[in-house]
Amino acid sequence: MTDAEDFTVVALCSDPFDLRTDYVRCKLFGRSAEGFDEEEYYESFFHVNIAGGFVFWNEKDTDYRVPLLRGMCQSESSN
């Protein structure tokens, strides 16, 4: 498993929200830093419902599956 993975996260709502009490849908962008490699970039959805006791992570598109799994499984030194 990777030591750490950085994401850009965007909440998919237009109203202010309280992450502790509201169901919040987010979109994650991984390995999206300036000059990113298209083969390493991925997107996924992350839904948070702390009050309900769960988070849900869902792939956006199967084309992003391999880069997403690679991002979760490799350390920076093995890239």
Foldseek 3Di string as FASTA:
>chain_A
DEPDWDWDKDWPDDDDDDLQADWIKIKIWTQPPPPGDPQQIAMWIWIGHNVVPDIDIGGPDVSRVVNVVCRVPDYPVVD
